[in-house]
Amino acid sequence: MNSIGEDCNELKKQYDACFNSWFSERFLKGHTDESACAPIFRVYQDCVKRAMREQKIELREIGTEYTTNSEYEKTGSSSGKQQSKS
């Protein structure tokens, strides 16, 4: 399946490959630290947000940042979701 933005397709493929590798080689063996794919996820997420703005697709969640659990463990938050930056 392609990404919402044509220029995001390669990033999506890279993220999907990273996620699939992490899931099968780490997560299913009990290693839940998902930080290995976080950098490519952030780049892909930014690309998708840009494509949505260009296509005039507005979602309330577009301003909300989501991050990995491992990033929250470092800051002490456990909600898994940051407040919107308005």
Foldseek 3Di string as FASTA:
>chain_A
DAALDPVLRVLVVVLVVLVVCCVVVPVVVPHPPPVVSQVSVVVSLVVNLVSCVVVVNDDPCSQWDFGDQVVCVVVVDRPRTDDGDD
